[in-house]
N, C-alpha and C. Protein backbone atom coordinates (compact mmCIF):
# COMPACT_ATOMS: atom_id res chain seq x y z
N MET A 1 100.74 87.89 102.21
CA MET A 1 100.35 88.19 103.60
C MET A 1 100.19 86.95 104.44
N GLU A 2 100.23 85.76 103.82
CA GLU A 2 100.05 84.55 104.54
C GLU A 2 101.09 84.19 105.54
N PRO A 3 102.38 84.46 105.22
CA PRO A 3 103.54 84.25 106.21
C PRO A 3 103.37 85.21 107.32
N LEU A 4 103.06 86.39 107.10
CA LEU A 4 102.97 87.22 108.18
C LEU A 4 101.76 86.94 109.11
N GLU A 5 100.75 86.45 108.66
CA GLU A 5 99.54 86.03 109.61
C GLU A 5 100.03 84.80 110.44
N GLN A 6 100.82 83.86 109.87
CA GLN A 6 101.35 82.70 110.44
C GLN A 6 102.23 83.06 111.57
N ARG A 7 103.17 84.08 111.30
CA ARG A 7 104.13 84.42 112.13
C ARG A 7 103.43 85.27 113.34
N LEU A 8 102.51 86.00 113.16
CA LEU A 8 101.71 86.73 114.16
C LEU A 8 100.96 85.71 114.99
N ALA A 9 100.48 84.61 114.35
CA ALA A 9 99.78 83.59 115.27
C ALA A 9 100.73 82.89 116.16
N SER A 10 101.95 82.62 115.50
CA SER A 10 102.92 81.97 116.24
C SER A 10 103.46 82.74 117.51
N LEU A 11 103.64 84.10 117.24
CA LEU A 11 104.01 84.95 118.33
C LEU A 11 103.00 85.10 119.41
N GLU A 12 101.69 85.21 119.07
CA GLU A 12 100.72 85.21 119.93
C GLU A 12 100.55 83.94 120.74
N ALA A 13 100.88 82.74 120.11
CA ALA A 13 100.80 81.54 121.00
C ALA A 13 101.98 81.62 121.98
N LYS A 14 103.15 82.06 121.56
CA LYS A 14 104.32 82.25 122.52
C LYS A 14 104.15 83.08 123.56
N ILE A 15 103.43 84.23 123.23
CA ILE A 15 103.14 85.29 124.30
C ILE A 15 102.08 84.59 125.35
N ASP A 16 101.17 83.96 124.86
CA ASP A 16 100.18 83.23 125.84
C ASP A 16 100.92 82.22 126.73
N GLU A 17 101.81 81.43 126.15
CA GLU A 17 102.50 80.47 126.92
C GLU A 17 103.54 81.31 127.97
N LEU A 18 104.05 82.27 127.68
CA LEU A 18 104.94 83.21 128.51
C LEU A 18 104.14 83.71 129.53
N LEU A 19 102.82 84.18 129.27
CA LEU A 19 101.96 84.74 130.47
C LEU A 19 101.62 83.65 131.35
N SER A 20 101.33 82.42 130.90
CA SER A 20 100.98 81.24 131.73
C SER A 20 102.25 81.00 132.67
N THR A 21 103.43 81.06 132.13
CA THR A 21 104.70 80.72 132.84
C THR A 21 104.86 81.78 133.96
N ILE A 22 104.69 83.09 133.58
CA ILE A 22 104.92 84.21 134.42
C ILE A 22 103.89 84.00 135.68
N THR A 23 102.75 83.59 135.43
CA THR A 23 101.78 83.44 136.37
C THR A 23 102.12 82.43 137.37
N LYS A 24 102.60 81.43 136.82
CA LYS A 24 103.05 80.29 137.69
C LYS A 24 104.24 80.78 138.56
N ILE A 25 105.20 81.43 138.04
CA ILE A 25 106.32 81.98 138.85
C ILE A 25 106.01 82.94 139.84
N LYS A 26 104.94 83.84 139.43
CA LYS A 26 104.40 84.82 140.50
C LYS A 26 103.82 84.21 141.58
N ARG A 27 102.99 83.04 141.39
CA ARG A 27 102.45 82.34 142.42
C ARG A 27 103.28 81.63 143.29
N ALA A 28 104.52 81.05 142.85
CA ALA A 28 105.47 80.48 143.49
C ALA A 28 106.19 81.44 144.42
N PHE A 29 106.42 82.57 143.83
CA PHE A 29 107.11 83.54 144.56
C PHE A 29 106.30 84.15 145.82
N TYR A 30 105.08 84.29 145.55
CA TYR A 30 104.17 84.65 146.70
C TYR A 30 104.13 83.61 147.82
N TRP A 31 104.15 82.32 147.40
CA TRP A 31 104.27 81.28 148.35
C TRP A 31 105.54 81.21 149.09
N THR A 32 106.54 81.49 148.39
CA THR A 32 107.94 81.57 149.10
C THR A 32 108.03 82.61 150.13
N ILE A 33 107.51 83.82 149.75
CA ILE A 33 107.52 84.87 150.71
C ILE A 33 106.61 84.45 152.00
N GLY A 34 105.45 83.95 151.65
CA GLY A 34 104.70 83.57 152.81
C GLY A 34 105.26 82.51 153.80
N ILE A 35 105.90 81.66 153.16
CA ILE A 35 106.51 80.46 153.94
C ILE A 35 107.63 81.12 154.75
N SER A 36 108.42 82.00 154.09
CA SER A 36 109.61 82.67 154.87
C SER A 36 109.08 83.53 155.88
N ILE A 37 108.10 84.26 155.75
CA ILE A 37 107.52 85.07 156.85
C ILE A 37 107.15 84.17 158.07
N ALA A 38 106.46 82.88 157.68
CA ALA A 38 105.91 81.98 158.69
C ALA A 38 107.08 81.43 159.39
N VAL A 39 108.31 81.22 158.78
CA VAL A 39 109.37 80.41 159.27
C VAL A 39 110.30 81.50 160.17
N VAL A 40 110.35 82.68 159.76
CA VAL A 40 111.23 83.61 160.48
C VAL A 40 110.41 84.47 161.42
N VAL A 41 109.34 85.15 160.94
CA VAL A 41 108.69 86.12 161.90
C VAL A 41 107.96 85.40 162.99
N LEU A 42 107.22 84.45 162.83
CA LEU A 42 106.33 83.89 163.79
C LEU A 42 107.14 83.30 164.86
N PRO A 43 108.35 82.70 164.65
CA PRO A 43 109.14 82.27 165.77
C PRO A 43 109.63 83.52 166.58
N LEU A 44 110.06 84.66 165.83
CA LEU A 44 110.53 85.75 166.69
C LEU A 44 109.42 86.20 167.63
N ILE A 45 108.14 86.35 167.11
CA ILE A 45 107.05 86.82 167.90
C ILE A 45 106.99 85.81 169.10
N GLY A 46 106.99 84.48 168.92
CA GLY A 46 107.02 83.70 170.10
C GLY A 46 108.07 83.84 171.08
N LEU A 47 109.38 84.17 170.45
CA LEU A 47 110.42 84.28 171.43
C LEU A 47 110.16 85.64 172.31
N PHE A 48 109.55 86.62 171.52
CA PHE A 48 109.28 87.76 172.24
C PHE A 48 108.52 87.57 173.58
N PHE A 49 107.58 86.52 173.56
CA PHE A 49 106.79 86.23 174.76
C PHE A 49 107.40 85.15 175.59
N ALA A 50 108.32 84.25 175.03
CA ALA A 50 108.85 83.18 175.66
C ALA A 50 110.09 83.62 176.65
N ILE A 51 110.80 84.58 176.04
CA ILE A 51 112.12 84.84 176.79
C ILE A 51 111.82 85.51 178.22
N PRO A 52 110.90 86.39 178.35
CA PRO A 52 110.54 86.79 179.68
C PRO A 52 110.11 85.76 180.65
N SER A 53 109.35 84.86 180.16
CA SER A 53 108.91 83.67 181.08
C SER A 53 110.01 82.86 181.46
N PHE A 54 110.97 82.53 180.55
CA PHE A 54 112.27 81.85 180.83
C PHE A 54 113.06 82.48 181.80
N LEU A 55 113.21 83.81 181.62
CA LEU A 55 113.97 84.69 182.62
C LEU A 55 113.34 84.62 183.97
N SER A 56 111.97 84.77 184.06
CA SER A 56 111.37 84.75 185.42
C SER A 56 111.52 83.40 186.02
N THR A 57 111.58 82.32 185.24
CA THR A 57 111.63 80.99 185.70
C THR A 57 112.97 80.90 186.43
N TYR A 58 114.20 81.36 185.58
CA TYR A 58 115.51 81.26 186.07
C TYR A 58 115.75 82.14 187.33
N SER A 59 115.13 83.27 187.33
CA SER A 59 115.33 84.14 188.58
C SER A 59 114.68 83.43 189.73
N GLY A 60 113.50 82.73 189.47
CA GLY A 60 112.86 81.97 190.64
C GLY A 60 113.78 80.90 191.13
N ILE A 61 114.43 80.30 190.20
CA ILE A 61 115.43 79.14 190.68
C ILE A 61 116.59 79.67 191.50
N SER A 62 117.13 80.85 191.09
CA SER A 62 118.17 81.42 191.78
C SER A 62 117.70 81.84 193.22
N ASP A 63 116.53 82.40 193.29
CA ASP A 63 116.00 82.68 194.66
C ASP A 63 115.86 81.42 195.52
N ILE A 64 115.52 80.33 194.94
CA ILE A 64 115.24 78.91 195.74
C ILE A 64 116.75 78.50 196.12
N THR A 65 117.73 78.59 195.25
CA THR A 65 119.09 78.08 195.54
C THR A 65 119.88 78.96 196.34
N GLY A 66 119.45 80.13 196.63
CA GLY A 66 120.22 81.00 197.48
C GLY A 66 121.20 81.84 196.72
N GLY A 67 121.00 82.22 195.43
CA GLY A 67 121.83 82.93 194.60
C GLY A 67 122.80 82.21 193.73
N PHE A 68 122.80 80.91 193.66
CA PHE A 68 123.71 80.23 192.75
C PHE A 68 123.19 80.11 191.33
């Protein structure tokens, strides 16, 4: 039974190492998703508010210049 117990202990150590690696990968994946959302979605929300103000500025300029 000795070799079987050694093999089980070895497999248990490998499983613990795999669990640690999976936890690190999961954490990195969540950070990647969070950064992607911050880089893509937040500027889109900003543009949602910025474009109307730009358009109103340009329409004000065309009123001053006489339609050019």
